[in-house]
Amino acid sequence: MANGNDGGGGSPPREKPHRIADELRALIASGQLGEGDRLGREPELVERFGVSRPSLREALRILEAEGLVTVVRGVRGGVVVHEPGERMAARTAALVLQANDVPLGDVFEARALLEPLAARIVAGSPGRWDAVDELRPVVEWQRSCLDDPERFYRASAVFHERLVELSGNRTMSLVAEMVTEILFRTVTAVRSDGHTVGSLSGRRRSIRSQERLLALIDEGDAEGAERHWRAHMQVARRVLLGHLGMSPVDVEHHDRPDGRV
C-alpha cells in the first residue's frame, strides 16, 4: 500500500479510511473475500492495518454504506463480508436514477432495448437448441402458476433474465439484471398496496408469446426473434407499468423486506 504521506507528483494521497476501504473492496471484488467471510473484530483490524480506531470505523462505514460489509455489534460481533450482486447494484442505480428524476418508463425502455437484442443473438448462435431446452421449463413453470400472480411474475422474471444471460454477454446480462430488479421490486410494491397487475388472460398471452419466441429461436430466425420480442416488450410495458410509466424511480421500494418477483 502506498504511503499516505507521499509528497510526490500525481494524484493527491488517499486518506487512511479510504485506503483501507479500497484495499478491502479490492479483496472482495477479486473473490479473495467471499459472502459470509468474517474479517475479524475491531482490535484485530486495527492491528492488521496499523491505523487508529476512528480511521478503521470510518473505512467500515464507507463499505457498509456500499453494502459490502455488515458490522455486527456485541460479544460475538465482527465484520461480515457481502459479495456485490444485482440487488446491491440495483439499489445504487435506483439512488442515482431517483436523484435525476428518471421515470420508470425510461428504465423499462432500457430493458426493452436489451432483451430483443439478446433474443437475436441467441437465435443466431450454434447453441440455440440448448437455449430452447433451458427456457422451455421456465415457460412450464409459469403455466403451472397462472392463478398465482406473484409466483407467475417471479417465474417470468427468471425467463427474462435467463434469456439475456444466454446471449453470452456478461455486461449486458448484469445491466439487465439490475434493471429487472428495479422494475420488479416496484411492481411488487404496487401489488402490496392492493393493486392488481395484469390479468389471467394477459398471463396466458405472455406464455404464448414466449412459446413463439422459442419457436423462432429453434428455427434460427434471428431477425424474427428480435422483432417478435420487441413487440412483446411493448405489451409488457403496458401491463407491468400502466399509469406508473411517468412515475420516478423510488428507492423506498428497494428497502422493503419482500423479495424480488
C-alpha atoms as a PDB file:
ATOM      1  CA  MET A   1       0.000   0.000   0.000  1.00  0.00           C
ATOM      2  CA  ALA A   2       1.326   3.452  -0.901  1.00  0.00           C
ATOM      3  CA  ASN A   3       2.362   5.752   1.895  1.00  0.00           C
ATOM      4  CA  GLY A   4      -0.412   8.239   2.679  1.00  0.00           C
ATOM      5  CA  ASN A   5       2.197  10.959   3.274  1.00  0.00           C
ATOM      6  CA  ASP A   6       3.718  10.636  -0.195  1.00  0.00           C
ATOM      7  CA  GLY A   7       4.521  14.157  -1.312  1.00  0.00           C
ATOM      8  CA  GLY A   8       5.402  13.295  -4.911  1.00  0.00           C
ATOM      9  CA  GLY A   9       3.531  14.319  -8.033  1.00  0.00           C
ATOM     10  CA  GLY A  10       0.381  12.786  -9.434  1.00  0.00           C
ATOM     11  CA  SER A  11      -2.897  12.275  -7.613  1.00  0.00           C
ATOM     12  CA  PRO A  12      -3.200  13.512  -4.032  1.00  0.00           C
ATOM     13  CA  PRO A  13      -2.774  10.756  -1.430  1.00  0.00           C
ATOM     14  CA  ARG A  14      -5.889   8.954  -0.205  1.00  0.00           C
ATOM     15  CA  GLU A  15      -6.826   9.425   3.431  1.00  0.00           C
ATOM     16  CA  LYS A  16      -6.343   6.350   5.600  1.00  0.00           C
ATOM     17  CA  PRO A  17     -10.048   5.359   5.850  1.00  0.00           C
ATOM     18  CA  HIS A  18     -10.396   5.465   2.074  1.00  0.00           C
ATOM     19  CA  ARG A  19      -7.189   3.471   1.583  1.00  0.00           C
ATOM     20  CA  ILE A  20      -8.430   0.781   3.956  1.00  0.00           C
ATOM     21  CA  ALA A  21     -11.790   0.719   2.170  1.00  0.00           C
ATOM     22  CA  ASP A  22     -10.007   0.494  -1.211  1.00  0.00           C
ATOM     23  CA  GLU A  23      -7.944  -2.486  -0.066  1.00  0.00           C
ATOM     24  CA  LEU A  24     -10.908  -4.402   1.327  1.00  0.00           C
ATOM     25  CA  ARG A  25     -13.054  -3.537  -1.686  1.00  0.00           C
ATOM     26  CA  ALA A  26     -10.357  -4.942  -3.985  1.00  0.00           C
ATOM     27  CA  LEU A  27     -10.190  -8.179  -1.974  1.00  0.00           C
ATOM     28  CA  ILE A  28     -13.978  -8.591  -2.257  1.00  0.00           C
ATOM     29  CA  ALA A  29     -14.046  -7.761  -5.973  1.00  0.00           C
ATOM     30  CA  SER A  30     -11.239 -10.245  -6.703  1.00  0.00           C
ATOM     31  CA  GLY A  31     -13.019 -13.045  -4.826  1.00  0.00           C
ATOM     32  CA  GLN A  32     -10.347 -13.341  -2.131  1.00  0.00           C
ATOM     33  CA  LEU A  33     -13.072 -12.429   0.337  1.00  0.00           C
ATOM     34  CA  GLY A  34     -16.449 -14.054  -0.208  1.00  0.00           C
ATOM     35  CA  GLU A  35     -20.013 -13.878   1.040  1.00  0.00           C
ATOM     36  CA  GLY A  36     -20.196 -14.509   4.790  1.00  0.00           C
ATOM     37  CA  ASP A  37     -16.446 -14.332   5.414  1.00  0.00           C
ATOM     38  CA  ARG A  38     -15.515 -12.656   8.688  1.00  0.00           C
ATOM     39  CA  LEU A  39     -12.762 -10.068   8.720  1.00  0.00           C
ATOM     40  CA  GLY A  40     -12.379 -10.213  12.474  1.00  0.00           C
ATOM     41  CA  ARG A  41     -13.132  -7.878  15.329  1.00  0.00           C
ATOM     42  CA  GLU A  42     -12.173  -4.234  15.617  1.00  0.00           C
ATOM     43  CA  PRO A  43      -8.955  -4.684  17.673  1.00  0.00           C
ATOM     44  CA  GLU A  44      -7.675  -7.293  15.194  1.00  0.00           C
ATOM     45  CA  LEU A  45      -8.369  -4.995  12.234  1.00  0.00           C
ATOM     46  CA  VAL A  46      -6.744  -2.008  13.913  1.00  0.00           C
ATOM     47  CA  GLU A  47      -3.580  -4.092  14.309  1.00  0.00           C
ATOM     48  CA  ARG A  48      -3.813  -5.537  10.790  1.00  0.00           C
ATOM     49  CA  PHE A  49      -3.995  -2.147   9.082  1.00  0.00           C
ATOM     50  CA  GLY A  50      -1.889  -0.219  11.585  1.00  0.00           C
ATOM     51  CA  VAL A  51      -4.442   2.573  11.918  1.00  0.00           C
ATOM     52  CA  SER A  52      -6.444   4.233  14.665  1.00  0.00           C
ATOM     53  CA  ARG A  53      -9.920   3.056  15.638  1.00  0.00           C
ATOM     54  CA  PRO A  54     -11.583   6.204  14.212  1.00  0.00           C
ATOM     55  CA  SER A  55      -9.902   5.606  10.820  1.00  0.00           C
ATOM     56  CA  LEU A  56     -10.955   1.955  10.805  1.00  0.00           C
ATOM     57  CA  ARG A  57     -14.520   2.792  11.776  1.00  0.00           C
ATOM     58  CA  GLU A  58     -14.767   5.371   9.009  1.00  0.00           C
ATOM     59  CA  ALA A  59     -13.491   2.815   6.472  1.00  0.00           C
ATOM     60  CA  LEU A  60     -16.083   0.286   7.643  1.00  0.00           C
ATOM     61  CA  ARG A  61     -18.826   2.924   7.438  1.00  0.00           C
ATOM     62  CA  ILE A  62     -17.874   3.524   3.791  1.00  0.00           C
ATOM     63  CA  LEU A  63     -18.069  -0.196   2.955  1.00  0.00           C
ATOM     64  CA  GLU A  64     -21.244  -0.688   4.983  1.00  0.00           C
ATOM     65  CA  ALA A  65     -22.933   2.129   3.034  1.00  0.00           C
ATOM     66  CA  GLU A  66     -21.933   0.315  -0.174  1.00  0.00           C
ATOM     67  CA  GLY A  67     -23.456  -2.929   1.133  1.00  0.00           C
ATOM     68  CA  LEU A  68     -20.114  -4.739   1.058  1.00  0.00           C
ATOM     69  CA  VAL A  69     -19.854  -5.421   4.794  1.00  0.00           C
ATOM     70  CA  THR A  70     -22.049  -5.625   7.863  1.00  0.00           C
ATOM     71  CA  VAL A  71     -20.639  -4.591  11.216  1.00  0.00           C
ATOM     72  CA  VAL A  72     -22.130  -6.890  13.854  1.00  0.00           C
ATOM     73  CA  ARG A  73     -22.077  -5.431  17.350  1.00  0.00           C
ATOM     74  CA  GLY A  74     -21.772  -7.331  20.624  1.00  0.00           C
ATOM     75  CA  VAL A  75     -19.566 -10.012  22.140  1.00  0.00           C
ATOM     76  CA  ARG A  76     -19.849 -12.308  19.116  1.00  0.00           C
ATOM     77  CA  GLY A  77     -19.726  -9.459  16.638  1.00  0.00           C
ATOM     78  CA  GLY A  78     -17.276  -8.632  13.920  1.00  0.00           C
ATOM     79  CA  VAL A  79     -17.218  -7.556  10.300  1.00  0.00           C
ATOM     80  CA  VAL A  80     -19.049  -9.808   7.812  1.00  0.00           C
ATOM     81  CA  VAL A  81     -18.356  -9.611   4.069  1.00  0.00           C
ATOM     82  CA  HIS A  82     -21.048  -9.459   1.363  1.00  0.00           C
ATOM     83  CA  GLU A  83     -20.403 -10.144  -2.297  1.00  0.00           C
ATOM     84  CA  PRO A  84     -21.676  -7.463  -4.690  1.00  0.00           C
ATOM     85  CA  GLY A  85     -24.796  -8.628  -6.502  1.00  0.00           C
ATOM     86  CA  GLU A  86     -27.569  -7.352  -8.747  1.00  0.00           C
ATOM     87  CA  ARG A  87     -29.760  -6.303  -5.839  1.00  0.00           C
ATOM     88  CA  MET A  88     -26.995  -4.154  -4.384  1.00  0.00           C
ATOM     89  CA  ALA A  89     -26.259  -2.713  -7.821  1.00  0.00           C
ATOM     90  CA  ALA A  90     -29.975  -2.095  -8.361  1.00  0.00           C
ATOM     91  CA  ARG A  91     -30.275  -0.110  -5.167  1.00  0.00           C
ATOM     92  CA  THR A  92     -27.228   2.007  -6.031  1.00  0.00           C
ATOM     93  CA  ALA A  93     -28.578   2.584  -9.533  1.00  0.00           C
ATOM     94  CA  ALA A  94     -32.003   3.414  -8.117  1.00  0.00           C
ATOM     95  CA  LEU A  95     -30.438   6.122  -5.940  1.00  0.00           C
ATOM     96  CA  VAL A  96     -28.775   7.699  -8.982  1.00  0.00           C
ATOM     97  CA  LEU A  97     -31.936   7.418 -11.084  1.00  0.00           C
ATOM     98  CA  GLN A  98     -34.081   8.904  -8.338  1.00  0.00           C
ATOM     99  CA  ALA A  99     -31.662  11.796  -7.879  1.00  0.00           C
ATOM    100  CA  ASN A 100     -32.057  12.552 -11.587  1.00  0.00           C
ATOM    101  CA  ASP A 101     -35.879  12.181 -11.589  1.00  0.00           C
ATOM    102  CA  VAL A 102     -35.719   9.326 -14.094  1.00  0.00           C
ATOM    103  CA  PRO A 103     -39.195   7.835 -14.724  1.00  0.00           C
ATOM    104  CA  LEU A 104     -39.873   4.099 -14.536  1.00  0.00           C
ATOM    105  CA  GLY A 105     -40.819   4.110 -18.216  1.00  0.00           C
ATOM    106  CA  ASP A 106     -37.273   5.163 -19.080  1.00  0.00           C
ATOM    107  CA  VAL A 107     -35.878   2.287 -17.017  1.00  0.00           C
ATOM    108  CA  PHE A 108     -38.173  -0.184 -18.759  1.00  0.00           C
ATOM    109  CA  GLU A 109     -37.136   1.160 -22.151  1.00  0.00           C
ATOM    110  CA  ALA A 110     -33.533   0.192 -21.375  1.00  0.00           C
ATOM    111  CA  ARG A 111     -34.675  -3.339 -20.730  1.00  0.00           C
ATOM    112  CA  ALA A 112     -36.844  -3.288 -23.869  1.00  0.00           C
ATOM    113  CA  LEU A 113     -33.735  -2.448 -25.899  1.00  0.00           C
ATOM    114  CA  LEU A 114     -31.550  -5.156 -24.339  1.00  0.00           C
ATOM    115  CA  GLU A 115     -33.843  -8.179 -24.471  1.00  0.00           C
ATOM    116  CA  PRO A 116     -34.717  -8.142 -28.213  1.00  0.00           C
ATOM    117  CA  LEU A 117     -31.001  -7.855 -28.970  1.00  0.00           C
ATOM    118  CA  ALA A 118     -30.357 -10.825 -26.691  1.00  0.00           C
ATOM    119  CA  ALA A 119     -33.109 -12.786 -28.471  1.00  0.00           C
ATOM    120  CA  ARG A 120     -31.421 -12.071 -31.804  1.00  0.00           C
ATOM    121  CA  ILE A 121     -28.011 -13.208 -30.515  1.00  0.00           C
ATOM    122  CA  VAL A 122     -29.415 -16.420 -29.005  1.00  0.00           C
ATOM    123  CA  ALA A 123     -31.399 -17.283 -32.157  1.00  0.00           C
ATOM    124  CA  GLY A 124     -28.292 -16.843 -34.292  1.00  0.00           C
ATOM    125  CA  SER A 125     -25.989 -18.865 -32.061  1.00  0.00           C
ATOM    126  CA  PRO A 126     -24.892 -22.500 -32.526  1.00  0.00           C
ATOM    127  CA  GLY A 127     -26.219 -23.262 -29.043  1.00  0.00           C
ATOM    128  CA  ARG A 128     -29.771 -22.080 -29.737  1.00  0.00           C
ATOM    129  CA  TRP A 129     -31.291 -25.532 -29.231  1.00  0.00           C
ATOM    130  CA  ASP A 130     -29.698 -25.808 -25.800  1.00  0.00           C
ATOM    131  CA  ALA A 131     -31.110 -22.375 -25.002  1.00  0.00           C
ATOM    132  CA  VAL A 132     -34.592 -23.514 -26.013  1.00  0.00           C
ATOM    133  CA  ASP A 133     -34.232 -26.617 -23.853  1.00  0.00           C
ATOM    134  CA  GLU A 134     -33.258 -24.441 -20.906  1.00  0.00           C
ATOM    135  CA  LEU A 135     -36.003 -21.850 -21.337  1.00  0.00           C
ATOM    136  CA  ARG A 136     -38.885 -24.235 -22.026  1.00  0.00           C
ATOM    137  CA  PRO A 137     -39.139 -25.497 -18.394  1.00  0.00           C
ATOM    138  CA  VAL A 138     -39.352 -21.861 -17.236  1.00  0.00           C
ATOM    139  CA  VAL A 139     -42.358 -21.398 -19.522  1.00  0.00           C
ATOM    140  CA  GLU A 140     -43.938 -24.510 -17.996  1.00  0.00           C
ATOM    141  CA  TRP A 141     -43.205 -23.147 -14.520  1.00  0.00           C
ATOM    142  CA  GLN A 142     -45.213 -20.047 -15.413  1.00  0.00           C
ATOM    143  CA  ARG A 143     -48.025 -22.192 -16.800  1.00  0.00           C
ATOM    144  CA  SER A 144     -48.205 -24.088 -13.513  1.00  0.00           C
ATOM    145  CA  CYS A 145     -48.850 -20.910 -11.523  1.00  0.00           C
ATOM    146  CA  LEU A 146     -51.155 -18.952 -13.822  1.00  0.00           C
ATOM    147  CA  ASP A 147     -53.616 -18.470 -10.964  1.00  0.00           C
ATOM    148  CA  ASP A 148     -50.970 -17.083  -8.625  1.00  0.00           C
ATOM    149  CA  PRO A 149     -49.782 -13.691  -9.961  1.00  0.00           C
ATOM    150  CA  GLU A 150     -46.884 -13.399  -7.501  1.00  0.00           C
ATOM    151  CA  ARG A 151     -45.413 -16.780  -8.392  1.00  0.00           C
ATOM    152  CA  PHE A 152     -46.113 -16.170 -12.074  1.00  0.00           C
ATOM    153  CA  TYR A 153     -44.211 -12.879 -12.186  1.00  0.00           C
ATOM    154  CA  ARG A 154     -41.335 -14.422 -10.235  1.00  0.00           C
ATOM    155  CA  ALA A 155     -41.073 -17.143 -12.876  1.00  0.00           C
ATOM    156  CA  SER A 156     -41.462 -14.560 -15.646  1.00  0.00           C
ATOM    157  CA  ALA A 157     -38.523 -12.572 -14.238  1.00  0.00           C
ATOM    158  CA  VAL A 158     -36.394 -15.723 -14.422  1.00  0.00           C
ATOM    159  CA  PHE A 159     -37.314 -16.188 -18.106  1.00  0.00           C
ATOM    160  CA  HIS A 160     -36.395 -12.593 -18.973  1.00  0.00           C
ATOM    161  CA  GLU A 161     -33.104 -12.683 -17.076  1.00  0.00           C
ATOM    162  CA  ARG A 162     -32.075 -16.078 -18.419  1.00  0.00           C
ATOM    163  CA  LEU A 163     -32.783 -15.003 -21.994  1.00  0.00           C
ATOM    164  CA  VAL A 164     -30.227 -12.201 -21.685  1.00  0.00           C
ATOM    165  CA  GLU A 165     -27.723 -14.445 -19.872  1.00  0.00           C
ATOM    166  CA  LEU A 166     -27.886 -16.931 -22.739  1.00  0.00           C
ATOM    167  CA  SER A 167     -26.669 -14.228 -25.132  1.00  0.00           C
ATOM    168  CA  GLY A 168     -23.258 -14.770 -23.564  1.00  0.00           C
ATOM    169  CA  ASN A 169     -22.558 -11.064 -22.993  1.00  0.00           C
ATOM    170  CA  ARG A 170     -21.899 -10.767 -19.268  1.00  0.00           C
ATOM    171  CA  THR A 171     -22.018  -6.973 -19.170  1.00  0.00           C
ATOM    172  CA  MET A 172     -25.384  -6.889 -20.921  1.00  0.00           C
ATOM    173  CA  SER A 173     -26.611  -9.586 -18.543  1.00  0.00           C
ATOM    174  CA  LEU A 174     -25.580  -7.652 -15.435  1.00  0.00           C
ATOM    175  CA  VAL A 175     -27.251  -4.468 -16.681  1.00  0.00           C
ATOM    176  CA  ALA A 176     -30.433  -6.404 -17.480  1.00  0.00           C
ATOM    177  CA  GLU A 177     -30.456  -7.999 -14.005  1.00  0.00           C
ATOM    178  CA  MET A 178     -30.090  -4.596 -12.404  1.00  0.00           C
ATOM    179  CA  VAL A 179     -32.888  -3.056 -14.475  1.00  0.00           C
ATOM    180  CA  THR A 180     -35.172  -6.048 -13.863  1.00  0.00           C
ATOM    181  CA  GLU A 181     -34.544  -5.784 -10.125  1.00  0.00           C
ATOM    182  CA  ILE A 182     -35.600  -2.111 -10.089  1.00  0.00           C
ATOM    183  CA  LEU A 183     -38.740  -2.723 -12.161  1.00  0.00           C
ATOM    184  CA  PHE A 184     -39.990  -5.876 -10.493  1.00  0.00           C
ATOM    185  CA  ARG A 185     -39.455  -4.569  -6.971  1.00  0.00           C
ATOM    186  CA  THR A 186     -41.606  -1.606  -7.981  1.00  0.00           C
ATOM    187  CA  VAL A 187     -44.283  -3.966  -9.289  1.00  0.00           C
ATOM    188  CA  THR A 188     -44.145  -5.955  -6.037  1.00  0.00           C
ATOM    189  CA  ALA A 189     -44.613  -2.757  -4.045  1.00  0.00           C
ATOM    190  CA  VAL A 190     -47.611  -1.765  -6.160  1.00  0.00           C
ATOM    191  CA  ARG A 191     -49.233  -5.167  -5.635  1.00  0.00           C
ATOM    192  CA  SER A 192     -48.645  -4.981  -1.881  1.00  0.00           C
ATOM    193  CA  ASP A 193     -50.603  -1.720  -1.896  1.00  0.00           C
ATOM    194  CA  GLY A 194     -53.684  -3.580  -3.099  1.00  0.00           C
ATOM    195  CA  HIS A 195     -53.412  -3.072  -6.863  1.00  0.00           C
ATOM    196  CA  THR A 196     -53.630  -5.945  -9.346  1.00  0.00           C
ATOM    197  CA  VAL A 197     -51.016  -6.133 -12.074  1.00  0.00           C
ATOM    198  CA  GLY A 198     -52.159  -7.871 -15.235  1.00  0.00           C
ATOM    199  CA  SER A 199     -54.918 -10.440 -15.690  1.00  0.00           C
ATOM    200  CA  LEU A 200     -55.247 -14.192 -16.176  1.00  0.00           C
ATOM    201  CA  SER A 201     -55.804 -13.731 -19.911  1.00  0.00           C
ATOM    202  CA  GLY A 202     -52.763 -11.455 -20.065  1.00  0.00           C
ATOM    203  CA  ARG A 203     -50.607 -14.063 -18.357  1.00  0.00           C
ATOM    204  CA  ARG A 204     -51.776 -16.670 -20.859  1.00  0.00           C
ATOM    205  CA  ARG A 205     -50.907 -14.340 -23.745  1.00  0.00           C
ATOM    206  CA  SER A 206     -47.445 -13.847 -22.234  1.00  0.00           C
ATOM    207  CA  ILE A 207     -46.871 -17.613 -22.227  1.00  0.00           C
ATOM    208  CA  ARG A 208     -47.986 -17.901 -25.859  1.00  0.00           C
ATOM    209  CA  SER A 209     -45.610 -15.075 -26.766  1.00  0.00           C
ATOM    210  CA  GLN A 210     -42.717 -16.835 -25.023  1.00  0.00           C
ATOM    211  CA  GLU A 211     -43.548 -20.077 -26.845  1.00  0.00           C
ATOM    212  CA  ARG A 212     -43.493 -18.176 -30.150  1.00  0.00           C
ATOM    213  CA  LEU A 213     -40.080 -16.762 -29.261  1.00  0.00           C
ATOM    214  CA  LEU A 214     -38.741 -20.245 -28.516  1.00  0.00           C
ATOM    215  CA  ALA A 215     -40.034 -21.449 -31.889  1.00  0.00           C
ATOM    216  CA  LEU A 216     -38.235 -18.600 -33.672  1.00  0.00           C
ATOM    217  CA  ILE A 217     -35.024 -19.317 -31.760  1.00  0.00           C
ATOM    218  CA  ASP A 218     -35.325 -23.025 -32.588  1.00  0.00           C
ATOM    219  CA  GLU A 219     -35.679 -22.127 -36.294  1.00  0.00           C
ATOM    220  CA  GLY A 220     -32.631 -19.865 -36.144  1.00  0.00           C
ATOM    221  CA  ASP A 221     -34.710 -16.852 -37.216  1.00  0.00           C
ATOM    222  CA  ALA A 222     -32.627 -14.162 -35.524  1.00  0.00           C
ATOM    223  CA  GLU A 223     -34.378 -11.229 -37.179  1.00  0.00           C
ATOM    224  CA  GLY A 224     -37.827 -12.654 -36.443  1.00  0.00           C
ATOM    225  CA  ALA A 225     -36.912 -13.357 -32.825  1.00  0.00           C
ATOM    226  CA  GLU A 226     -35.725  -9.782 -32.301  1.00  0.00           C
ATOM    227  CA  ARG A 227     -38.801  -8.296 -33.992  1.00  0.00           C
ATOM    228  CA  HIS A 228     -41.217 -10.501 -32.049  1.00  0.00           C
ATOM    229  CA  TRP A 229     -39.589  -9.828 -28.689  1.00  0.00           C
ATOM    230  CA  ARG A 230     -39.520  -6.086 -29.277  1.00  0.00           C
ATOM    231  CA  ALA A 231     -43.290  -6.167 -29.786  1.00  0.00           C
ATOM    232  CA  HIS A 232     -43.670  -8.380 -26.697  1.00  0.00           C
ATOM    233  CA  MET A 233     -41.743  -5.901 -24.566  1.00  0.00           C
ATOM    234  CA  GLN A 234     -44.009  -3.038 -25.580  1.00  0.00           C
ATOM    235  CA  VAL A 235     -47.044  -5.030 -24.445  1.00  0.00           C
ATOM    236  CA  ALA A 236     -45.233  -5.982 -21.228  1.00  0.00           C
ATOM    237  CA  ARG A 237     -44.570  -2.306 -20.534  1.00  0.00           C
ATOM    238  CA  ARG A 238     -48.282  -1.501 -20.605  1.00  0.00           C
ATOM    239  CA  VAL A 239     -49.146  -4.476 -18.404  1.00  0.00           C
ATOM    240  CA  LEU A 240     -46.426  -4.000 -15.788  1.00  0.00           C
ATOM    241  CA  LEU A 241     -46.254  -0.233 -15.550  1.00  0.00           C
ATOM    242  CA  GLY A 242     -49.587   1.076 -16.794  1.00  0.00           C
ATOM    243  CA  HIS A 243     -50.037   4.561 -15.356  1.00  0.00           C
ATOM    244  CA  LEU A 244     -46.724   4.247 -13.456  1.00  0.00           C
ATOM    245  CA  GLY A 245     -44.624   4.865 -16.569  1.00  0.00           C
ATOM    246  CA  MET A 246     -44.066   8.540 -15.737  1.00  0.00           C
ATOM    247  CA  SER A 247     -43.542   7.922 -12.021  1.00  0.00           C
ATOM    248  CA  PRO A 248     -39.940   8.469 -10.872  1.00  0.00           C
ATOM    249  CA  VAL A 249     -37.827   5.626  -9.522  1.00  0.00           C
ATOM    250  CA  ASP A 250     -38.368   5.376  -5.763  1.00  0.00           C
ATOM    251  CA  VAL A 251     -35.598   3.947  -3.573  1.00  0.00           C
ATOM    252  CA  GLU A 252     -38.193   3.093  -0.921  1.00  0.00           C
ATOM    253  CA  HIS A 253     -39.133   0.044  -2.979  1.00  0.00           C
ATOM    254  CA  HIS A 254     -35.565  -1.261  -2.611  1.00  0.00           C
ATOM    255  CA  ASP A 255     -35.642  -1.073   1.171  1.00  0.00           C
ATOM    256  CA  ARG A 256     -38.697  -3.272   1.555  1.00  0.00           C
ATOM    257  CA  PRO A 257     -38.227  -6.706   3.158  1.00  0.00           C
ATOM    258  CA  ASP A 258     -40.130  -8.582   0.448  1.00  0.00           C
ATOM    259  CA  GLY A 259     -38.170 -10.442  -2.200  1.00  0.00           C
ATOM    260  CA  ARG A 260     -37.996  -9.922  -5.908  1.00  0.00           C
ATOM    261  CA  VAL A 261     -40.809 -11.119  -8.115  1.00  0.00           C
END
